[in-house]
Protein backbone atom coordinates (compact mmCIF):
# COMPACT_ATOMS: atom_id res chain seq x y z
CA MET A 1 136.12 14.12 -40.02
CA PRO A 2 132.92 13.23 -37.58
CA PRO A 3 130.02 15.90 -37.32
CA ARG A 4 130.10 18.57 -34.68
CA LYS A 5 127.67 17.80 -32.18
CA ARG A 6 125.30 20.67 -31.11
CA THR A 7 125.11 21.52 -27.47
CA ARG A 8 121.96 21.79 -25.60
CA GLN A 9 122.55 25.55 -24.98
CA SER A 10 122.42 26.30 -28.72
CA ALA A 11 119.32 24.09 -29.40
CA ALA A 12 117.46 25.94 -26.46
CA LEU A 13 118.44 29.32 -28.07
CA ASN A 14 117.06 28.08 -31.16
CA VAL A 15 113.96 27.10 -29.37
CA LEU A 16 113.19 30.48 -28.28
CA PRO A 17 110.74 32.72 -30.11
CA ASP A 18 111.60 35.75 -31.86
CA LYS A 19 110.23 39.26 -31.09
CA ASN A 20 109.26 39.94 -34.33
CA ASN A 21 107.89 36.66 -35.08
CA ILE A 22 105.24 36.88 -32.03
CA GLU A 23 103.92 40.54 -33.33
CA ASP A 24 103.19 38.93 -36.66
CA THR A 25 101.62 36.30 -35.09
CA ASP A 26 99.04 38.42 -32.87
CA GLU A 27 98.57 40.55 -36.12
CA ARG A 28 97.54 37.39 -38.16
CA GLN A 29 95.39 36.04 -35.11
CA GLU A 30 93.62 39.51 -34.73
CA SER A 31 92.85 39.61 -38.63
CA VAL A 32 91.58 36.03 -38.57
CA ALA A 33 89.48 36.65 -35.47
CA ARG A 34 87.77 39.91 -37.32
CA LYS A 35 87.00 37.76 -40.38
CA LEU A 36 85.49 34.97 -38.09
CA LYS A 37 83.32 37.66 -36.19
CA LYS A 38 82.19 39.00 -39.64
CA ARG A 39 81.14 35.81 -40.85
CA MET A 40 79.15 34.76 -37.43
CA LEU A 41 77.16 38.10 -37.51
CA ALA A 42 76.34 37.80 -41.20
CA LYS A 43 75.16 34.07 -40.38
CA LEU A 44 73.40 35.17 -37.06
CA SER A 45 71.51 37.95 -39.26
CA LYS A 46 70.61 35.54 -41.75
CA ASP A 47 69.06 32.88 -39.34
CA CYS A 48 67.21 35.41 -37.22
CA GLY A 49 66.54 38.12 -39.77
CA ASP A 50 67.98 41.78 -39.89
CA ASP A 51 65.15 43.08 -37.34
CA GLU A 52 66.02 40.25 -34.75
CA VAL A 53 69.82 40.76 -34.31
CA PRO A 54 70.67 43.17 -31.66
CA ALA A 55 72.59 46.50 -32.35
CA ASP A 56 75.14 45.40 -29.61
CA ALA A 57 75.48 41.88 -30.76
CA SER A 58 79.36 40.55 -30.05
CA VAL A 59 80.92 37.38 -31.09
CA THR A 60 83.62 35.95 -28.87
CA VAL A 61 86.48 34.10 -30.64
CA ARG A 62 88.94 31.69 -28.79
CA SER A 63 92.38 30.90 -30.33
CA HIS A 64 95.53 29.61 -28.76
CA ALA A 65 99.12 31.15 -29.40
CA SER A 66 102.63 30.22 -28.03
CA VAL A 67 103.81 33.52 -26.13
CA ASN A 68 107.06 33.45 -24.51
CA GLY A 69 106.96 29.61 -24.45
CA SER A 70 103.78 29.12 -22.90
CA ALA A 71 100.20 28.35 -24.27
CA ALA A 72 97.85 31.26 -23.50
CA GLU A 73 94.22 31.80 -24.45
CA THR A 74 93.63 34.96 -26.59
CA LEU A 75 90.15 36.43 -26.40
CA CYS A 76 88.62 38.75 -28.91
CA ASN A 77 86.00 41.19 -27.72
CA PHE A 78 85.87 41.19 -23.73
CA SER A 79 82.84 43.26 -23.84
CA ALA A 80 80.13 42.17 -20.79
CA ARG A 81 76.77 40.94 -21.79
CA ARG A 82 74.23 43.41 -21.58
CA ARG A 83 71.40 40.84 -21.34
CA PRO A 84 71.30 37.16 -20.66
CA PRO A 85 71.72 34.63 -23.82
CA SER A 86 68.85 33.72 -25.13
CA LEU A 87 67.67 31.82 -28.69
CA CYS A 88 66.15 33.33 -31.66
CA PRO A 89 62.20 32.58 -31.70
CA ALA A 90 62.47 32.50 -35.50
CA GLN A 91 65.03 29.93 -35.27
CA ILE A 92 63.21 27.71 -32.99
CA MET A 93 59.95 27.71 -35.09
CA ARG A 94 62.33 26.75 -38.06
CA ASN A 95 63.85 23.91 -36.41
CA LEU A 96 60.39 22.73 -35.38
CA GLN A 97 58.86 23.06 -38.53
CA SER A 98 61.86 21.04 -40.44
CA SER A 99 62.01 18.21 -37.58
CA LEU A 100 60.71 14.90 -38.48
CA SER A 101 60.02 14.05 -34.75
CA PHE A 102 56.43 13.52 -33.45
CA VAL A 103 57.19 15.09 -30.34
CA HIS A 104 58.30 18.20 -32.01
CA TYR A 105 55.20 17.94 -34.12
CA LEU A 106 52.96 17.85 -31.18
CA TYR A 107 55.00 20.75 -29.28
CA GLY A 108 54.95 22.92 -32.52
CA THR A 109 51.17 22.88 -32.92
CA THR A 110 50.96 23.92 -29.12
CA LEU A 111 52.79 27.05 -30.29
CA GLY A 112 51.02 27.69 -33.46
CA SER A 113 53.67 26.71 -35.62
CA PRO A 114 52.22 25.56 -39.13
CA SER A 115 53.60 21.99 -39.71
CA ILE A 116 55.18 21.10 -42.91
CA PRO A 117 53.48 18.65 -45.40
CA LEU A 118 56.21 16.07 -44.72
CA ASN A 119 55.18 16.26 -41.01
CA LYS A 120 51.47 15.98 -42.07
CA GLN A 121 51.93 13.31 -44.27
CA SER A 122 53.97 11.37 -41.28
CA VAL A 123 50.99 11.61 -39.07
CA LYS A 124 48.51 10.82 -41.59
CA SER A 125 50.04 7.74 -43.44
CA PRO A 126 48.88 5.20 -40.78
CA ILE A 127 45.29 6.54 -41.09
CA VAL A 128 45.55 6.14 -45.02
CA ARG A 129 46.90 2.74 -44.80
CA GLU A 130 43.82 1.65 -42.56
CA LEU A 131 41.50 3.35 -44.83
CA GLU A 132 43.08 1.33 -47.88
CA ASP A 133 41.92 -1.88 -46.16
CA LEU A 134 38.46 -1.06 -45.93
CA SER A 135 36.18 -3.50 -47.57
CA LEU A 136 32.45 -3.95 -47.98
CA PHE A 137 31.16 -5.62 -44.66
CA ARG A 138 27.50 -5.43 -44.64
CA THR A 139 24.29 -4.02 -46.43
CA ALA A 140 20.72 -3.47 -45.84
CA SER A 141 17.66 -2.13 -47.55
CA PRO A 142 15.24 -1.12 -45.01
CA PHE A 143 13.64 1.41 -47.11
CA ASP A 144 11.54 1.48 -50.33
CA ARG A 145 12.64 5.04 -51.18
CA ARG A 146 16.13 6.30 -51.34
CA VAL A 147 18.32 7.24 -48.18
CA THR A 148 18.43 10.95 -47.54
CA ALA A 149 19.94 11.22 -44.33
CA LEU A 150 22.72 9.45 -42.13
CA GLU A 151 24.22 10.14 -38.55
CA TRP A 152 26.17 8.10 -36.42
CA HIS A 153 25.29 7.50 -32.73
CA PRO A 154 27.51 9.76 -30.27
CA THR A 155 28.32 7.15 -27.71
CA ASN A 156 27.67 3.82 -29.54
CA PRO A 157 30.33 3.22 -32.54
CA GLY A 158 28.05 0.59 -34.29
CA MET A 159 24.80 2.37 -33.95
CA VAL A 160 23.72 4.56 -37.26
CA VAL A 161 20.35 5.91 -37.88
CA ALA A 162 19.26 6.56 -41.49
CA GLY A 163 16.13 8.65 -42.82
CA SER A 164 14.43 8.08 -46.33
CA LYS A 165 12.64 9.91 -48.94
CA GLY A 166 9.50 8.40 -47.56
CA GLY A 167 10.05 9.66 -44.00
CA ASP A 168 10.95 6.23 -42.60
CA ILE A 169 13.92 6.49 -39.85
CA ILE A 170 15.76 3.36 -38.70
CA LEU A 171 18.39 2.80 -35.88
CA TRP A 172 20.65 0.19 -37.37
CA ASN A 173 22.76 -1.89 -35.12
CA SER A 174 25.25 -2.32 -37.75
CA LEU A 175 27.67 -4.75 -35.72
CA HIS A 176 25.23 -7.09 -34.69
CA GLN A 177 22.37 -9.23 -36.09
CA ASN A 178 19.57 -7.65 -34.60
CA LEU A 179 16.40 -8.39 -36.23
CA ASN A 180 14.49 -5.85 -33.89
CA ASP A 181 15.90 -2.77 -34.61
CA ASN A 182 13.86 0.63 -33.82
CA PHE A 183 11.75 1.63 -36.82
CA ILE A 184 9.93 4.83 -37.22
CA GLN A 185 7.18 4.37 -39.98
CA GLY A 186 6.97 7.44 -42.46
CA ILE A 187 4.26 9.13 -44.13
CA GLY A 188 5.31 8.25 -47.31
CA PRO A 189 5.56 10.91 -50.40
CA GLY A 190 5.97 14.24 -48.90
CA GLY A 191 7.80 13.09 -45.73
CA SER A 192 11.47 13.07 -46.68
CA VAL A 193 13.66 13.64 -44.03
CA GLN A 194 16.29 16.34 -44.89
CA ALA A 195 18.57 16.22 -42.10
CA ILE A 196 18.99 14.18 -38.81
CA LYS A 197 20.73 15.01 -35.43
CA PHE A 198 21.02 13.01 -32.23
CA TRP A 199 19.69 15.22 -29.25
CA PRO A 200 22.76 15.97 -27.13
CA TRP A 201 21.39 15.31 -23.57
CA ASN A 202 19.32 12.21 -24.56
CA SER A 203 20.87 10.00 -27.27
CA SER A 204 17.39 8.40 -27.91
CA LEU A 205 15.95 11.26 -29.11
CA LEU A 206 16.43 12.36 -32.68
CA LEU A 207 15.95 15.91 -34.04
CA THR A 208 14.79 15.68 -37.74
CA ALA A 209 13.89 18.01 -40.15
CA SER A 210 11.50 17.20 -43.04
CA ILE A 211 9.53 18.18 -46.05
CA ASP A 212 6.10 17.96 -44.12
CA GLY A 213 7.07 21.14 -42.77
CA ARG A 214 8.15 20.12 -39.42
CA VAL A 215 10.94 20.28 -36.93
CA THR A 216 10.44 17.07 -34.76
CA LEU A 217 12.14 15.67 -31.74
CA ASN A 218 11.24 11.88 -32.42
CA ASP A 219 11.29 9.15 -29.57
CA PHE A 220 11.76 5.84 -31.06
CA GLU A 221 9.79 4.27 -28.23
CA GLY A 222 7.06 6.79 -29.27
CA LYS A 223 6.31 8.43 -25.85
CA ASN A 224 7.88 12.04 -26.17
CA ASN A 225 7.67 13.14 -29.83
CA ARG A 226 7.47 16.74 -29.79
CA VAL A 227 7.12 19.12 -32.59
CA LEU A 228 9.50 22.12 -32.15
CA SER A 229 8.46 24.19 -35.40
CA ASP A 230 5.60 23.94 -38.22
CA THR A 231 5.05 25.88 -40.88
CA PHE A 232 1.21 24.62 -41.43
CA ASN A 233 1.89 24.77 -45.07
CA CYS A 234 4.06 22.17 -46.07
CA HIS A 235 3.17 22.45 -49.98
CA ASP A 236 4.67 26.03 -49.98
CA PHE A 237 7.21 26.16 -47.01
CA TRP A 238 9.43 23.33 -45.70
CA TYR A 239 12.41 22.61 -43.61
CA CYS A 240 15.40 21.24 -45.42
CA CYS A 241 18.33 21.42 -42.41
CA VAL A 242 18.52 21.45 -38.67
CA ASP A 243 21.36 21.65 -36.10
CA VAL A 244 21.39 21.65 -32.34
CA SER A 245 24.03 23.24 -30.05
CA ALA A 246 24.84 21.79 -26.74
CA LYS A 247 26.50 25.11 -25.46
CA ARG A 248 24.14 27.51 -26.63
CA LYS A 249 21.01 25.24 -25.83
CA ALA A 250 19.69 26.47 -29.28
CA VAL A 251 18.07 24.87 -32.31
CA VAL A 252 18.96 26.41 -35.91
CA THR A 253 16.91 25.39 -38.96
CA GLY A 254 16.52 26.51 -42.55
CA ASP A 255 13.69 26.46 -45.24
CA ASN A 256 13.26 26.19 -48.91
CA VAL A 257 12.97 30.17 -49.33
CA GLY A 258 15.95 31.32 -47.70
CA ASN A 259 14.70 31.79 -43.91
CA THR A 260 16.70 30.87 -41.05
CA MET A 261 15.37 30.57 -37.61
CA LEU A 262 16.68 29.91 -34.30
CA LEU A 263 14.89 27.84 -31.74
CA SER A 264 15.35 27.39 -27.89
CA LEU A 265 15.03 23.60 -26.72
CA ASP A 266 11.16 23.68 -26.17
CA GLY A 267 10.61 25.46 -29.68
CA LYS A 268 10.53 29.04 -28.90
CA LYS A 269 11.34 31.24 -31.58
CA LEU A 270 14.36 33.47 -30.80
CA TRP A 271 14.63 35.17 -34.13
CA SER A 272 14.02 34.38 -37.84
CA HIS A 273 15.45 36.20 -40.76
CA ARG A 274 15.64 35.85 -44.55
CA LEU A 275 19.52 35.26 -44.94
CA HIS A 276 19.49 33.78 -48.22
CA LYS A 277 17.55 34.46 -51.46
CA GLN A 278 17.00 30.80 -51.93
CA LYS A 279 16.53 27.48 -50.24
CA VAL A 280 19.02 26.91 -47.29
CA THR A 281 20.37 23.40 -47.73
CA HIS A 282 22.80 23.17 -44.71
CA ALA A 283 23.24 24.88 -41.21
CA GLU A 284 25.81 23.82 -38.75
CA PHE A 285 27.12 25.27 -35.59
CA SER A 286 31.04 25.40 -35.19
CA PRO A 287 32.68 23.03 -32.74
CA ARG A 288 35.19 25.19 -31.78
CA GLU A 289 33.24 28.55 -31.48
CA ASP A 290 29.89 28.08 -29.95
CA TRP A 291 28.76 31.68 -31.07
CA LEU A 292 29.69 30.99 -34.88
CA PHE A 293 27.60 29.11 -37.31
CA CYS A 294 27.27 28.66 -41.13
CA THR A 295 24.52 28.46 -43.40
CA ALA A 296 24.62 27.07 -47.11
CA SER A 297 22.25 27.72 -50.00
CA THR A 298 21.45 27.22 -53.52
CA ASP A 299 21.96 30.87 -54.20
CA HIS A 300 25.72 29.92 -54.64
CA MET A 301 26.88 31.37 -51.13
CA VAL A 302 27.95 29.95 -47.79
CA LYS A 303 27.82 32.52 -45.20
CA MET A 304 29.51 32.75 -41.70
CA TRP A 305 27.30 34.25 -38.71
CA ASP A 306 27.64 35.46 -35.32
CA ILE A 307 24.56 34.01 -33.38
CA ARG A 308 24.47 37.12 -31.09
CA LYS A 309 24.60 39.66 -33.66
CA VAL A 310 22.18 38.18 -36.67
CA SER A 311 20.04 40.73 -37.78
CA GLY A 312 19.37 40.52 -41.55
CA ARG A 313 21.26 39.70 -44.56
CA ASP A 314 23.90 41.99 -44.32
CA SER A 315 24.95 41.11 -41.07
CA ALA A 316 26.98 38.09 -41.93
CA LEU A 317 30.63 37.87 -40.70
CA HIS A 318 32.03 36.63 -43.97
CA VAL A 319 30.39 35.74 -47.67
CA LEU A 320 31.88 32.78 -49.34
CA LYS A 321 30.86 32.85 -53.06
CA HIS A 322 30.46 29.95 -55.03
CA ASP A 323 29.76 29.27 -58.87
CA LYS A 324 27.15 26.55 -58.49
CA PRO A 325 24.52 25.88 -55.62
CA ILE A 326 25.94 24.38 -52.42
CA ASN A 327 25.00 21.08 -51.17
CA CYS A 328 26.52 21.32 -47.81
CA ALA A 329 29.17 23.02 -45.69
CA TYR A 330 30.81 21.08 -43.13
CA PHE A 331 33.36 22.21 -40.15
CA ASN A 332 36.24 19.77 -39.88
CA HIS A 333 36.38 17.56 -36.62
CA THR A 334 40.14 18.03 -35.85
CA ASP A 335 40.02 21.85 -34.96
CA GLY A 336 36.98 23.40 -36.59
CA CYS A 337 39.32 25.75 -38.53
CA ARG A 338 38.51 24.47 -41.77
CA LEU A 339 35.32 24.57 -43.63
CA LEU A 340 34.51 22.08 -46.66
CA THR A 341 31.88 23.02 -49.10
CA THR A 342 30.57 20.88 -51.89
CA ASP A 343 28.63 22.29 -55.07
CA GLN A 344 26.21 20.80 -57.25
CA ASN A 345 28.57 20.37 -60.10
CA SER A 346 32.34 19.54 -60.15
CA GLU A 347 33.81 21.40 -56.96
CA ILE A 348 34.81 20.79 -53.52
CA ARG A 349 36.38 23.83 -51.59
CA VAL A 350 38.13 24.17 -48.50
CA TYR A 351 38.29 27.21 -46.48
CA GLN A 352 40.69 28.41 -43.85
CA ALA A 353 39.97 30.19 -40.60
CA PRO A 354 40.13 32.94 -39.26
CA GLU A 355 39.50 34.99 -42.38
CA TRP A 356 37.86 31.80 -43.91
CA GLN A 357 40.14 32.51 -47.23
CA LEU A 358 39.85 29.90 -50.10
CA GLU A 359 42.70 27.50 -49.19
CA ARG A 360 42.14 25.11 -51.83
CA THR A 361 39.61 24.18 -54.79
CA ILE A 362 39.33 20.47 -55.86
CA PRO A 363 38.10 19.32 -58.95
CA HIS A 364 35.83 16.38 -58.56
CA PRO A 365 32.61 14.95 -60.40
CA HIS A 366 29.58 14.80 -58.33
CA ARG A 367 26.98 16.83 -60.51
CA PHE A 368 23.53 17.22 -59.42
CA PHE A 369 20.72 14.89 -60.62
CA GLN A 370 16.85 15.09 -59.51
CA HIS A 371 16.34 11.29 -58.87
CA ILE A 372 19.27 11.07 -56.60
CA THR A 373 20.38 12.23 -53.48
CA PRO A 374 22.63 15.16 -53.69
CA ILE A 375 26.24 13.96 -53.27
CA LYS A 376 27.89 15.61 -49.86
CA ALA A 377 31.41 15.38 -49.18
CA SER A 378 32.49 14.91 -45.39
CA TRP A 379 35.45 14.71 -42.94
CA HIS A 380 37.41 12.07 -41.52
CA PRO A 381 37.26 12.51 -37.67
CA LEU A 382 41.02 12.10 -36.91
CA GLN A 383 42.61 13.79 -39.74
CA ASP A 384 41.63 16.09 -42.51
CA LEU A 385 40.87 13.59 -45.23
CA ILE A 386 37.63 14.00 -47.31
CA VAL A 387 35.31 11.08 -48.05
CA VAL A 388 32.76 11.65 -51.31
CA GLY A 389 30.95 9.72 -53.71
CA ARG A 390 32.09 9.80 -57.32
CA TYR A 391 29.35 10.32 -60.27
CA PRO A 392 31.94 10.14 -63.66
CA ALA A 393 30.85 12.60 -66.29
CA LYS A 394 32.03 12.31 -69.96
CA ASP A 395 32.96 16.31 -69.93
CA PHE A 396 34.93 16.18 -66.87
CA PRO A 397 38.78 16.46 -67.45
CA GLY A 398 40.52 12.98 -67.32
CA TYR A 399 37.38 10.80 -67.67
CA VAL A 400 38.22 7.35 -68.75
CA GLU A 401 35.60 5.29 -70.34
CA GLY A 402 34.21 2.77 -68.02
CA GLU A 403 35.08 4.74 -64.92
CA ARG A 404 33.73 3.20 -61.69
CA ARG A 405 31.47 4.96 -59.38
CA THR A 406 33.89 4.78 -56.35
CA ILE A 407 34.03 6.29 -52.81
CA ASP A 408 37.13 8.62 -52.93
CA ILE A 409 39.04 9.84 -50.04
CA LEU A 410 41.23 12.51 -50.63
CA ASP A 411 43.81 14.76 -48.69
CA ALA A 412 42.52 18.30 -47.87
CA ASP A 413 46.24 19.55 -47.96
CA ASN A 414 47.13 18.85 -51.62
CA GLY A 415 43.86 17.88 -53.23
CA LYS A 416 44.83 14.33 -54.28
CA ILE A 417 42.88 10.87 -54.21
CA VAL A 418 44.90 8.77 -51.37
CA CYS A 419 42.53 5.86 -51.74
CA GLN A 420 39.15 4.73 -53.54
CA LEU A 421 36.69 2.18 -52.27
CA HIS A 422 34.96 -0.14 -54.43
CA ASP A 423 32.82 -3.23 -54.34
CA PRO A 424 31.28 -5.10 -57.54
CA SER A 425 28.38 -5.99 -55.72
CA ALA A 426 27.47 -2.30 -55.06
CA PRO A 427 28.16 -0.22 -58.55
CA GLY A 428 25.61 2.24 -57.84
CA ILE A 429 26.07 6.16 -56.93
CA VAL A 430 26.98 6.59 -53.27
CA SER A 431 25.52 10.07 -52.48
CA LEU A 432 26.18 10.21 -48.49
CA ASN A 433 29.35 8.86 -46.57
CA LYS A 434 30.17 9.28 -43.02
CA PHE A 435 32.66 7.88 -40.62
CA ASN A 436 32.07 7.13 -36.76
CA ASP A 437 33.78 8.87 -34.11
CA ARG A 438 36.61 6.12 -34.10
CA GLY A 439 37.20 6.34 -38.06
CA ASP A 440 37.16 2.28 -38.52
CA TYR A 441 33.79 2.13 -39.83
CA LEU A 442 31.97 4.17 -42.58
CA VAL A 443 28.48 4.00 -43.68
CA SER A 444 27.35 4.77 -46.99
CA GLY A 445 24.00 5.44 -48.66
CA MET A 446 23.41 4.08 -52.28
CA GLY A 447 19.87 4.59 -53.49
CA VAL A 448 17.65 2.53 -51.30
CA ASN A 449 20.62 0.54 -49.71
CA LEU A 450 22.97 1.33 -46.53
CA LEU A 451 26.60 0.08 -46.90
CA LEU A 452 28.89 -0.43 -44.10
CA TRP A 453 32.73 -0.68 -44.67
CA GLY A 454 34.97 -1.99 -42.30
CA ARG A 455 38.88 -3.39 -42.07
CA LYS A 456 39.05 -6.64 -43.81
CA GLN A 457 40.25 -8.84 -40.62
CA GLU A 458 37.47 -7.59 -38.55
CA VAL A 459 34.94 -8.06 -41.53
CA GLU A 460 35.61 -11.84 -41.43
CA GLU A 461 35.44 -12.20 -37.78
CA ARG A 462 31.96 -10.19 -37.89
CA GLN A 463 30.70 -11.94 -40.77
CA LEU A 464 31.19 -15.32 -39.02
CA SER A 465 29.79 -14.12 -35.58
CA LEU A 466 26.83 -12.74 -37.72
CA LEU A 467 25.86 -15.97 -39.52
CA ALA A 468 26.31 -18.01 -36.23
CA ASP A 469 23.68 -15.35 -34.59
CA GLU A 470 21.59 -16.15 -37.80
CA ARG A 471 21.80 -19.66 -37.50
CA HIS A 472 20.99 -19.95 -33.81
CA SER A 473 17.87 -17.29 -33.88
CA GLU A 474 14.57 -18.06 -35.24
CA PHE A 475 12.25 -15.15 -36.34
CA SER A 476 8.95 -14.68 -38.18
CA PRO A 477 9.01 -12.83 -41.40
CA LEU A 478 7.06 -10.05 -39.85
CA GLN A 479 10.07 -9.24 -37.76
CA ARG A 480 12.44 -9.82 -40.62
CA ARG A 481 10.89 -7.17 -42.45
CA GLY A 482 13.06 -3.79 -42.54
CA GLN A 483 16.42 -5.49 -41.82
CA GLY A 484 19.90 -6.16 -43.36
CA SER A 485 21.44 -9.44 -43.47
CA GLY A 486 24.92 -10.42 -42.24
CA GLY A 487 26.17 -10.93 -45.72
CA ARG A 488 25.88 -8.63 -48.68
CA SER A 489 22.36 -9.24 -49.83
CA SER A 490 19.21 -7.85 -48.08
CA ASN A 491 16.08 -7.26 -50.21
CA SER A 492 13.64 -6.35 -47.48
CA ARG A 493 11.51 -3.19 -47.29
CA SER A 494 9.78 -1.16 -44.47
CA ARG A 495 6.36 -0.91 -45.62
CA PRO A 496 4.09 -3.96 -44.86
CA PRO A 497 2.89 -5.99 -48.05
CA SER A 498 -0.43 -5.61 -49.36
CA THR A 499 -2.92 -7.79 -47.78
CA LYS A 500 -4.06 -10.12 -50.29
CA GLN A 501 -6.23 -13.16 -49.82
CA THR A 502 -4.35 -16.53 -50.81
CA LYS A 503 -6.41 -19.08 -53.24
CA SER A 504 -6.77 -22.44 -52.16
CA LYS A 505 -6.87 -25.32 -54.90
CA LYS A 506 -10.53 -26.09 -54.41
CA ASP A 507 -11.44 -22.40 -54.93
CA THR A 508 -9.76 -22.45 -58.24
CA ASP A 509 -11.07 -25.69 -59.62
CA THR A 510 -14.87 -24.80 -58.69
CA LYS A 511 -13.98 -21.45 -60.79
CA MET A 512 -12.60 -23.26 -63.75
CA LYS A 513 -15.45 -25.61 -63.64
CA MET A 514 -18.10 -22.76 -63.42
CA LYS A 515 -16.37 -21.24 -66.35
CA LEU A 516 -16.72 -24.17 -68.49
CA GLN A 517 -20.27 -24.57 -67.75
CA THR A 518 -20.96 -21.23 -68.85
CA LYS A 519 -19.12 -21.56 -72.13
CA THR A 520 -20.83 -24.77 -72.97
CA LYS A 521 -24.21 -23.31 -72.34
CA THR A 522 -23.42 -20.28 -74.57
CA LYS A 523 -22.55 -22.57 -77.36
CA THR A 524 -25.29 -24.91 -77.04
CA LYS A 525 -27.75 -21.74 -77.18
CA ASN A 526 -26.41 -20.73 -80.23
CA PRO A 527 -27.23 -23.25 -82.76
CA LYS A 528 -30.95 -22.68 -81.75
């Protein structure tokens, strides 16, 4: 018997929903909505924090149910908004910090968001690759005494000025073969140049502090030399540091007994106080706040000062104590919110504004020795990278036999060495290192030698051009004195050679004959 066919009416009756089934479905949806609401509120409080979640926060959950055969949208919580929707600030900061986008990194810095190390590493990595490509480009030996001060020209990226222990100063055009570089003759022993700064209003003038007891504004043409300050007793008192502020139109300097002096541009003394117990080795204005300056001393302290409120030793804003005497303290060039200090043993410290708290201590061998220029760590101009010369010590942790005297470049964020510079032709201790404003050239002071480091591709091109200039130019020996060559070797000195009369062949022959005659006469007289 064939199966009985179902009619359309009975099929339609089976499709119609039951009333009990509809009620059960509504209850299940309400329970699911409550669970979803609870979860979303918990997630919101976790992301934004309990303090930032409003008390009247509500969550809207949408679901679809088949009621009376039609799809209807069931909404849970129809309460009206009391305020317009807004994004959580904490969540925005968290998203910016976790993003790897360079645009988000720049936007986060404008909002004051601290970037995570991954972002900083992505910004620093191109500069580190350029630093790894540096090689020795050119050398010069313009002095007969060791280099004591270095400074790059503010507008010319290839011009550098250097001072020596004998008081000599040279304005070295490092990128061109120019044997007529400007040179200022020093006084010799007792005239050591301790600090050099370019005059902000005239780049042809140099501000120097030296052991001869003077702060001098030098002119390479010899026309406008002015003495801003003089101790008149250089055997007992002399200046050890100097800096100038273009915004404040003031000059700050420190001496060997702890005195710090503020001068006007014409040399008028504005105030003078003994801010340290011992020698002031460094003084520098902040590039960020024109009223802020720091001083470093051999009394194991670095102090921060407000130029408007200096009244004595107790008026310091912050006192940064160290374990050893301090060689220098430099503000970073990127934002002026970090301070880099170098002691006379084996520590490099980084302090962070605004409270100038100790951010990181980096162990590094650079001990003090009286016959070399004190080693000073300095900043890279584009990123917070530290450059410092290495003086290996056997008692330093991690010492390896035969360790080279390299130039170390460290990351201020983690204290690790990112690269090292070394050349077999320059094996000495590098005391001073400074990058130019573009960060593509590095000048170093190694004993009496000046070392210029550049990129390998540019080094090859520059050396070829320097050799071509040297071949096509003819200079006298007097013009060659005090200048570096286009290659690696230069043995000239700044001081003129002692004047000695040259002996001719005839003179030597006549003198020899006279000696022989006197000897024969004495021999003939003896028998008698």
